[in-house]
Amino acid sequence: HNWLAGCGSGPTSGRPMVRLFINTARRLALKIASYGVMHLVVAVLVAFAVTRDWRVALAVGLVEPFFQTIAYSIHDRVWHRIEHRRMLSGLEEASEAFTARLQIMAPEEQSRAHGHAGHSHALPRSLKQVAAKSVTYGLMHFVVAVTVAFALTRDWRVSLAIGLIEPLVQTVFFTIHDRIWSRIEAKKAARAADMASA
């Protein structure tokens, strides 16, 4: 009977994983969609401020965010993997620092594991990570913005103006957007952990 009960619970045991996958995909879709809307509004306003032409501004605002959203989704997935790896390495570093304090790990072993004797850094990992993520986003955005603007206007001066001004504004809004979504995901993760422990 126990064997039959175990076989019967097999299909239902996969349901939480399917639900988790669906929720993750839905959250990612909402994140990308909210980014696209934000990007569209900012792109149109900046393009109009530079060109004083609503037709060009709407063309840039409609075409450029399309390519930027694709680039953003790639950028976001790459940084998601980097953040996941750093979180795991952070846990490993914390355990190694703990064992080093208890004099379980030799100084030579600690130096071999991290390339330095201590664990102090100039900036907290989270601040360096936010800065690096924002910088890489700004560079990616600049290249796409200039390329799309030149393809539409055939004017390097207008393209560079849009490419310099618009990514700066977008980077500010991107950082705000990313922090909001990080808080949303953190709250949902905490809620899921509470439900699992209940």
Protein backbone atom coordinates (compact mmCIF):
# COMPACT_ATOMS: atom_id res chain seq x y z
CA HIS A 1 0.00 0.00 0.00
CA ASN A 2 2.85 2.40 0.78
CA TRP A 3 4.37 1.66 -2.63
CA LEU A 4 1.05 2.34 -4.36
CA ALA A 5 0.59 5.54 -2.37
CA GLY A 6 4.05 6.67 -3.40
CA CYS A 7 3.26 5.96 -7.06
CA GLY A 8 -0.01 7.85 -6.80
CA SER A 9 1.68 10.90 -5.36
CA GLY A 10 4.16 11.07 -8.23
CA PRO A 11 2.15 13.24 -10.65
CA THR A 12 1.01 15.62 -7.93
CA SER A 13 4.56 16.06 -6.61
CA GLY A 14 5.47 17.87 -9.81
CA ARG A 15 2.68 20.40 -9.49
CA PRO A 16 4.61 22.80 -7.20
CA MET A 17 7.45 22.87 -9.73
CA VAL A 18 5.04 23.58 -12.59
CA ARG A 19 3.37 26.32 -10.53
CA LEU A 20 6.77 27.81 -9.67
CA PHE A 21 7.78 27.78 -13.34
CA ILE A 22 4.51 29.48 -14.38
CA ASN A 23 4.81 32.12 -11.66
CA THR A 24 8.44 32.82 -12.60
CA ALA A 25 7.55 33.16 -16.29
CA ARG A 26 4.61 35.44 -15.47
CA ARG A 27 6.76 37.61 -13.21
CA LEU A 28 9.46 37.87 -15.89
CA ALA A 29 6.85 38.80 -18.53
CA LEU A 30 5.40 41.51 -16.27
CA LYS A 31 8.87 42.85 -15.52
CA ILE A 32 9.79 43.08 -19.19
CA ALA A 33 6.39 44.60 -20.09
CA SER A 34 6.67 47.27 -17.39
CA TYR A 35 10.17 48.07 -18.60
CA GLY A 36 8.91 48.39 -22.19
CA VAL A 37 6.16 50.85 -21.22
CA MET A 38 8.57 52.92 -19.12
CA HIS A 39 11.12 52.93 -21.92
CA LEU A 40 8.57 53.97 -24.55
CA VAL A 41 7.44 57.04 -22.61
CA VAL A 42 10.98 58.21 -21.82
CA ALA A 43 12.24 57.56 -25.36
CA VAL A 44 9.45 59.61 -26.99
CA LEU A 45 9.90 62.54 -24.61
CA VAL A 46 13.70 62.65 -24.99
CA ALA A 47 13.54 62.26 -28.79
CA PHE A 48 11.03 65.11 -29.02
CA ALA A 49 13.18 67.30 -26.76
CA VAL A 50 16.14 66.76 -29.15
CA THR A 51 14.39 66.88 -32.55
CA ARG A 52 11.28 69.00 -31.84
CA ASP A 53 9.53 66.72 -34.31
CA TRP A 54 6.72 64.47 -33.05
CA ARG A 55 6.96 62.17 -36.09
CA VAL A 56 10.65 61.43 -35.50
CA ALA A 57 10.06 61.24 -31.76
CA LEU A 58 7.25 58.71 -32.19
CA ALA A 59 9.33 56.70 -34.70
CA VAL A 60 12.27 56.58 -32.30
CA GLY A 61 9.95 55.95 -29.38
CA LEU A 62 8.24 53.01 -31.09
CA VAL A 63 11.22 51.34 -32.82
CA GLU A 64 14.03 51.90 -30.30
CA PRO A 65 12.23 50.47 -27.23
CA PHE A 66 11.47 47.31 -29.21
CA PHE A 67 15.17 46.57 -29.67
CA GLN A 68 16.00 47.88 -26.20
CA THR A 69 13.46 45.52 -24.62
CA ILE A 70 15.08 42.56 -26.39
CA ALA A 71 18.51 43.73 -25.24
CA TYR A 72 17.17 44.34 -21.73
CA SER A 73 15.72 40.83 -21.46
CA ILE A 74 19.12 39.39 -22.41
CA HIS A 75 20.89 41.77 -20.01
CA ASP A 76 18.48 40.88 -17.20
CA ARG A 77 18.89 37.11 -17.66
CA VAL A 78 22.70 37.40 -17.75
CA TRP A 79 22.70 39.44 -14.52
CA HIS A 80 20.21 37.07 -12.93
CA ARG A 81 22.72 34.24 -13.43
CA ILE A 82 25.59 36.39 -12.16
CA GLU A 83 23.62 37.38 -9.03
CA HIS A 84 22.67 33.75 -8.40
CA ARG A 85 26.31 32.64 -8.64
CA ARG A 86 27.48 35.47 -6.40
CA MET A 87 24.83 34.60 -3.83
CA LEU A 88 26.13 31.03 -3.72
CA SER A 89 29.76 32.20 -3.54
CA GLY A 90 28.76 34.62 -0.77
CA LEU A 91 27.38 31.78 1.30
CA GLU A 92 30.56 29.81 0.71
CA GLU A 93 32.71 32.81 1.68
CA ALA A 94 30.71 33.35 4.87
CA SER A 95 31.18 29.72 5.91
CA GLU A 96 34.90 29.90 5.14
CA ALA A 97 35.24 33.12 7.15
CA PHE A 98 33.46 31.46 10.06
CA THR A 99 35.75 28.42 9.99
CA ALA A 100 38.79 30.71 9.67
CA ARG A 101 37.74 32.55 12.83
CA LEU A 102 37.52 29.24 14.61
CA GLN A 103 41.03 28.51 13.27
CA ILE A 104 39.70 25.50 11.41
CA MET A 105 40.91 26.80 8.04
CA ALA A 106 44.57 27.63 7.65
CA PRO A 107 45.51 31.14 6.37
CA GLU A 108 47.13 29.51 3.31
CA GLU A 109 43.88 27.75 2.44
CA GLN A 110 41.88 30.96 2.86
CA SER A 111 44.32 32.84 0.60
CA ARG A 112 44.11 30.07 -1.99
CA ALA A 113 40.31 30.15 -2.00
CA HIS A 114 39.95 33.92 -2.47
CA GLY A 115 43.31 35.25 -3.63
CA HIS A 116 43.61 37.44 -0.52
CA ALA A 117 43.99 36.91 3.21
CA GLY A 118 40.98 38.87 4.43
CA HIS A 119 37.33 39.32 3.56
CA SER A 120 37.04 43.11 3.64
CA HIS A 121 35.99 44.98 0.49
CA ALA A 122 35.92 48.69 -0.35
CA LEU A 123 32.18 48.59 -1.06
CA PRO A 124 29.51 46.12 0.04
CA ARG A 125 28.81 43.50 -2.58
CA SER A 126 25.27 44.79 -3.15
CA LEU A 127 26.42 48.35 -3.92
CA LYS A 128 29.13 47.21 -6.31
CA GLN A 129 26.65 44.90 -7.99
CA VAL A 130 24.05 47.66 -8.47
CA ALA A 131 26.73 50.00 -9.86
CA ALA A 132 28.11 47.40 -12.26
CA LYS A 133 24.63 46.43 -13.42
CA SER A 134 23.66 50.05 -14.07
CA VAL A 135 26.91 50.76 -15.95
CA THR A 136 26.57 47.73 -18.23
CA TYR A 137 22.95 48.67 -18.87
CA GLY A 138 23.97 52.24 -19.77
CA LEU A 139 26.61 51.04 -22.24
CA MET A 140 24.21 48.57 -23.84
CA HIS A 141 21.53 51.25 -24.06
CA PHE A 142 23.90 53.78 -25.65
CA VAL A 143 24.91 51.45 -28.46
CA VAL A 144 21.34 50.45 -29.28
CA ALA A 145 20.01 54.02 -29.03
CA VAL A 146 22.63 55.51 -31.37
CA THR A 147 22.24 52.70 -33.90
CA VAL A 148 18.44 52.94 -34.03
CA ALA A 149 18.42 56.76 -34.08
CA PHE A 150 20.89 56.87 -36.98
CA ALA A 151 18.91 54.25 -38.91
CA LEU A 152 15.83 56.49 -38.63
CA THR A 153 17.34 59.98 -39.01
CA ARG A 154 20.56 59.41 -41.02
CA ASP A 155 22.01 62.22 -38.95
CA TRP A 156 24.98 61.42 -36.70
CA ARG A 157 24.58 64.62 -34.64
CA VAL A 158 20.95 63.89 -33.78
CA SER A 159 21.77 60.22 -33.26
CA LEU A 160 24.62 60.99 -30.85
CA ALA A 161 22.50 63.56 -29.01
CA ILE A 162 19.72 61.03 -28.55
CA GLY A 163 22.28 58.31 -27.77
CA LEU A 164 23.94 60.42 -25.07
CA ILE A 165 20.93 62.03 -23.41
CA GLU A 166 18.31 59.28 -23.61
CA PRO A 167 20.42 56.46 -22.06
CA LEU A 168 21.31 58.70 -19.10
CA VAL A 169 17.65 59.34 -18.40
CA GLN A 170 16.77 55.70 -19.06
CA THR A 171 19.56 54.47 -16.76
CA VAL A 172 18.10 56.49 -13.87
CA PHE A 173 14.64 55.05 -14.50
CA PHE A 174 16.13 51.58 -15.04
CA THR A 175 17.80 51.68 -11.61
CA ILE A 176 14.51 52.72 -10.00
CA HIS A 177 12.61 50.06 -11.97
CA ASP A 178 15.13 47.37 -11.04
CA ARG A 179 15.08 48.24 -7.33
CA ILE A 180 11.26 48.18 -7.28
CA TRP A 181 11.20 44.74 -8.88
CA SER A 182 13.95 43.49 -6.56
CA ARG A 183 11.80 44.46 -3.58
CA ILE A 184 8.73 42.81 -5.13
CA GLU A 185 10.66 39.58 -5.76
CA ALA A 186 12.17 39.67 -2.25
CA LYS A 187 8.72 40.07 -0.68
CA LYS A 188 7.31 37.21 -2.76
CA ALA A 189 10.27 34.99 -1.85
CA ALA A 190 9.79 35.78 1.85
CA ARG A 191 6.06 35.08 1.58
CA ALA A 192 6.75 31.75 -0.14
CA ALA A 193 9.26 30.81 2.58
CA ASP A 194 6.71 31.65 5.28
CA MET A 195 4.06 29.51 3.57
CA ALA A 196 6.52 26.62 3.22
CA SER A 197 7.48 26.77 6.89
CA ALA A 198 3.88 27.06 8.09
